[in-house]
Amino acid sequence: MEAGAGDFSVTWSAVQPKLSQTTRVCSYDRSGFGWSEPNAEQARTSQTMVQELETLLANANIEDELVLVGHSFGGLNVRLFADRHLDKVVGVVLVDALHEDVSPEMQRINSEAQLALVEELRVVSILQSIGLLALSPEEIPEQGLPLEAMAQYRAILATGSQVDTMIAELSAIEDSLTYARSLI
């Protein structure tokens, strides 16, 4: 299971336990999110994320037939992974997935929204770096998660590399979309 832009595995905390009653389910944190170490050496593009997922699955010896689940930006990533691994992927579930084929007007709106969000996140990054988020984690908006998951979400967002990774990922979305378009 792959979370959307700026999110990590804890966002699946309401869904994963239910699915695990009938099948093996794995969610993971992309590099720099949740409990994963940041990878500042590579751009945070879908191409990089697909390579990192390949490495993760190989290191975990997961070679089964895969059903990939991707939300938003994670949907783009799992589609690109599936395209490269038709022999391993037997299904893809997309939850409000980002798609590379949008109108020029929608591209413009998305770009403006991403730029505005990146600017807001730069302020949040400063607050995080001086410890203000750690002192007031309740200021991090509710995400509709179970209580324990929300506490984990706030703790990680308040203290980890999450915000800087969010900025890097959002700043590279157009590169990810361009890469996806090149494969059509």
Protein backbone atom coordinates (compact mmCIF):
# COMPACT_ATOMS: atom_id res chain seq x y z
CA MET A 1 0.00 0.00 0.00
CA GLU A 2 1.43 3.35 -1.04
CA ALA A 3 0.24 6.60 0.54
CA GLY A 4 -0.37 9.86 -1.26
CA ALA A 5 1.99 12.82 -1.52
CA GLY A 6 3.23 13.89 1.87
CA ASP A 7 1.70 10.94 3.69
CA PHE A 8 3.07 7.69 5.00
CA SER A 9 2.00 4.21 6.09
CA VAL A 10 0.06 5.30 9.17
CA THR A 11 -2.59 6.79 6.87
CA TRP A 12 -3.62 3.21 6.03
CA SER A 13 -4.20 2.38 9.73
CA ALA A 14 -7.98 2.19 9.40
CA VAL A 15 -7.86 0.02 6.26
CA GLN A 16 -4.88 -2.27 6.72
CA PRO A 17 -6.12 -4.20 9.81
CA LYS A 18 -9.40 -5.03 8.05
CA LEU A 19 -7.64 -6.24 4.90
CA SER A 20 -5.16 -8.27 6.94
CA GLN A 21 -8.03 -10.48 8.16
CA THR A 22 -8.16 -12.12 4.73
CA THR A 23 -4.74 -11.55 3.13
CA ARG A 24 -1.17 -10.47 3.79
CA VAL A 25 -0.99 -6.66 3.63
CA CYS A 26 2.08 -4.46 3.68
CA SER A 27 2.21 -0.70 3.77
CA TYR A 28 5.51 1.12 3.71
CA ASP A 29 7.03 4.54 4.04
CA ARG A 30 8.72 6.08 1.05
CA SER A 31 12.20 7.39 1.79
CA GLY A 32 12.07 10.37 4.16
CA PHE A 33 8.52 9.65 5.34
CA GLY A 34 7.31 7.98 8.49
CA TRP A 35 9.94 5.64 9.83
CA SER A 36 12.10 5.56 6.66
CA GLU A 37 15.44 7.26 6.41
CA PRO A 38 15.65 10.18 3.97
CA ASN A 39 17.44 9.77 0.66
CA ALA A 40 18.65 13.29 -0.07
CA GLU A 41 20.97 12.05 -2.82
CA GLN A 42 18.17 11.45 -5.33
CA ALA A 43 15.31 13.62 -6.53
CA ARG A 44 11.97 12.64 -5.00
CA THR A 45 10.43 11.66 -8.33
CA SER A 46 8.23 8.69 -9.16
CA GLN A 47 11.12 7.17 -11.10
CA THR A 48 13.26 7.17 -7.95
CA MET A 49 10.39 5.88 -5.83
CA VAL A 50 9.76 2.97 -8.18
CA GLN A 51 13.45 2.03 -7.95
CA GLU A 52 13.31 2.27 -4.15
CA LEU A 53 10.20 0.06 -4.03
CA GLU A 54 11.99 -2.50 -6.23
CA THR A 55 14.89 -2.51 -3.77
CA LEU A 56 12.56 -2.76 -0.77
CA LEU A 57 10.70 -5.75 -2.19
CA ALA A 58 13.94 -7.49 -3.20
CA ASN A 59 15.48 -6.93 0.25
CA ALA A 60 12.31 -8.20 1.94
CA ASN A 61 12.24 -11.25 -0.36
CA ILE A 62 8.72 -10.41 -1.48
CA GLU A 63 8.28 -12.02 -4.86
CA ASP A 64 4.66 -13.12 -4.62
CA GLU A 65 2.02 -12.01 -7.02
CA LEU A 66 1.38 -8.43 -5.96
CA VAL A 67 -1.76 -6.36 -5.73
CA LEU A 68 -0.65 -2.76 -5.38
CA VAL A 69 -2.77 -0.07 -3.73
CA GLY A 70 -1.96 3.57 -4.33
CA HIS A 71 -3.61 6.74 -3.11
CA SER A 72 -3.24 10.02 -5.02
CA PHE A 73 0.47 10.44 -5.87
CA GLY A 74 1.01 6.89 -4.63
CA GLY A 75 -1.37 5.78 -7.38
CA LEU A 76 0.94 7.18 -10.02
CA ASN A 77 3.89 5.39 -8.39
CA VAL A 78 2.18 1.99 -8.23
CA ARG A 79 1.01 2.30 -11.85
CA LEU A 80 4.58 3.00 -12.96
CA PHE A 81 5.85 0.08 -10.86
CA ALA A 82 3.19 -2.21 -12.34
CA ASP A 83 4.16 -1.17 -15.88
CA ARG A 84 7.74 -2.27 -15.18
CA HIS A 85 6.74 -5.52 -13.48
CA LEU A 86 3.87 -7.03 -15.42
CA ASP A 87 5.16 -10.47 -14.41
CA LYS A 88 4.77 -9.76 -10.66
CA VAL A 89 1.74 -7.47 -10.46
CA VAL A 90 -1.66 -9.16 -10.72
CA GLY A 91 -3.74 -6.15 -9.72
CA VAL A 92 -3.72 -2.44 -9.00
CA VAL A 93 -6.19 -0.57 -6.79
CA LEU A 94 -6.21 3.18 -7.32
CA VAL A 95 -7.71 5.46 -4.69
CA ASP A 96 -8.27 8.96 -6.10
CA ALA A 97 -5.03 8.48 -8.04
CA LEU A 98 -3.01 11.19 -9.72
CA HIS A 99 -2.89 10.78 -13.48
CA GLU A 100 -0.41 12.32 -15.88
CA ASP A 101 -2.91 12.97 -18.65
CA VAL A 102 -4.73 16.10 -17.49
CA SER A 103 -5.80 19.19 -19.39
CA PRO A 104 -3.46 22.19 -19.60
CA GLU A 105 -5.90 24.15 -17.41
CA MET A 106 -5.83 21.43 -14.74
CA GLN A 107 -2.01 21.33 -14.97
CA ARG A 108 -1.93 25.08 -14.33
CA ILE A 109 -4.28 24.82 -11.34
CA ASN A 110 -2.30 21.90 -9.91
CA SER A 111 1.01 23.72 -10.36
CA GLU A 112 -0.29 26.83 -8.62
CA ALA A 113 -1.68 24.77 -5.74
CA GLN A 114 1.59 22.84 -5.39
CA LEU A 115 3.63 26.06 -5.34
CA ALA A 116 1.38 27.53 -2.65
CA LEU A 117 1.59 24.35 -0.58
CA VAL A 118 5.38 24.24 -0.90
CA GLU A 119 5.56 27.82 0.41
CA GLU A 120 3.34 26.91 3.38
CA LEU A 121 5.47 23.84 4.07
CA ARG A 122 8.63 25.95 4.10
CA VAL A 123 7.13 27.88 7.03
CA VAL A 124 6.14 24.61 8.71
CA SER A 125 9.70 23.35 8.19
CA ILE A 126 11.05 26.38 10.04
CA LEU A 127 8.58 25.79 12.90
CA GLN A 128 9.62 22.17 12.99
CA SER A 129 13.33 22.95 12.96
CA ILE A 130 13.05 25.24 16.01
CA GLY A 131 10.89 22.71 17.87
CA LEU A 132 7.55 24.49 17.87
CA LEU A 133 5.67 21.59 16.29
CA ALA A 134 7.08 19.20 18.87
CA LEU A 135 5.85 21.52 21.64
CA SER A 136 2.35 21.80 20.14
CA PRO A 137 1.65 18.67 18.07
CA GLU A 138 -2.08 19.24 18.54
CA GLU A 139 -1.69 22.09 16.03
CA ILE A 140 -1.17 19.46 13.33
CA PRO A 141 -4.64 19.05 11.81
CA GLU A 142 -6.74 15.97 12.51
CA GLN A 143 -6.52 13.40 9.70
CA GLY A 144 -9.49 11.21 10.60
CA LEU A 145 -7.18 8.44 11.80
CA PRO A 146 -7.68 6.14 14.79
CA LEU A 147 -6.44 7.76 18.02
CA GLU A 148 -3.12 5.88 18.27
CA ALA A 149 -2.37 6.37 14.56
CA MET A 150 -3.08 10.10 14.84
CA ALA A 151 -0.65 10.36 17.75
CA GLN A 152 2.01 8.61 15.64
CA TYR A 153 1.23 10.85 12.67
CA ARG A 154 1.64 14.00 14.76
CA ALA A 155 4.83 12.76 16.45
CA ILE A 156 6.50 11.95 13.15
CA LEU A 157 5.36 15.13 11.43
CA ALA A 158 6.50 17.24 14.39
CA THR A 159 9.98 15.78 14.64
CA GLY A 160 11.04 13.86 11.52
CA SER A 161 12.31 14.68 8.06
CA GLN A 162 8.75 14.49 6.77
CA VAL A 163 8.21 18.19 5.99
CA ASP A 164 11.43 18.57 4.02
CA THR A 165 10.62 15.38 2.11
CA MET A 166 7.11 16.69 1.42
CA ILE A 167 8.63 19.83 -0.08
CA ALA A 168 11.04 17.78 -2.21
CA GLU A 169 8.29 15.43 -3.39
CA LEU A 170 5.82 18.19 -4.24
CA SER A 171 8.54 20.17 -6.02
CA ALA A 172 9.28 17.15 -8.21
CA ILE A 173 5.69 16.16 -9.10
CA GLU A 174 5.87 17.79 -12.52
CA ASP A 175 9.04 15.80 -13.26
CA SER A 176 7.19 12.63 -12.20
CA LEU A 177 4.27 13.47 -14.49
CA THR A 178 6.63 14.24 -17.38
CA TYR A 179 8.32 10.88 -16.85
CA ALA A 180 4.94 9.11 -16.82
CA ARG A 181 3.88 10.92 -20.01
CA SER A 182 7.09 9.77 -21.72
CA LEU A 183 6.04 6.15 -21.22
CA ILE A 184 2.70 6.48 -22.99
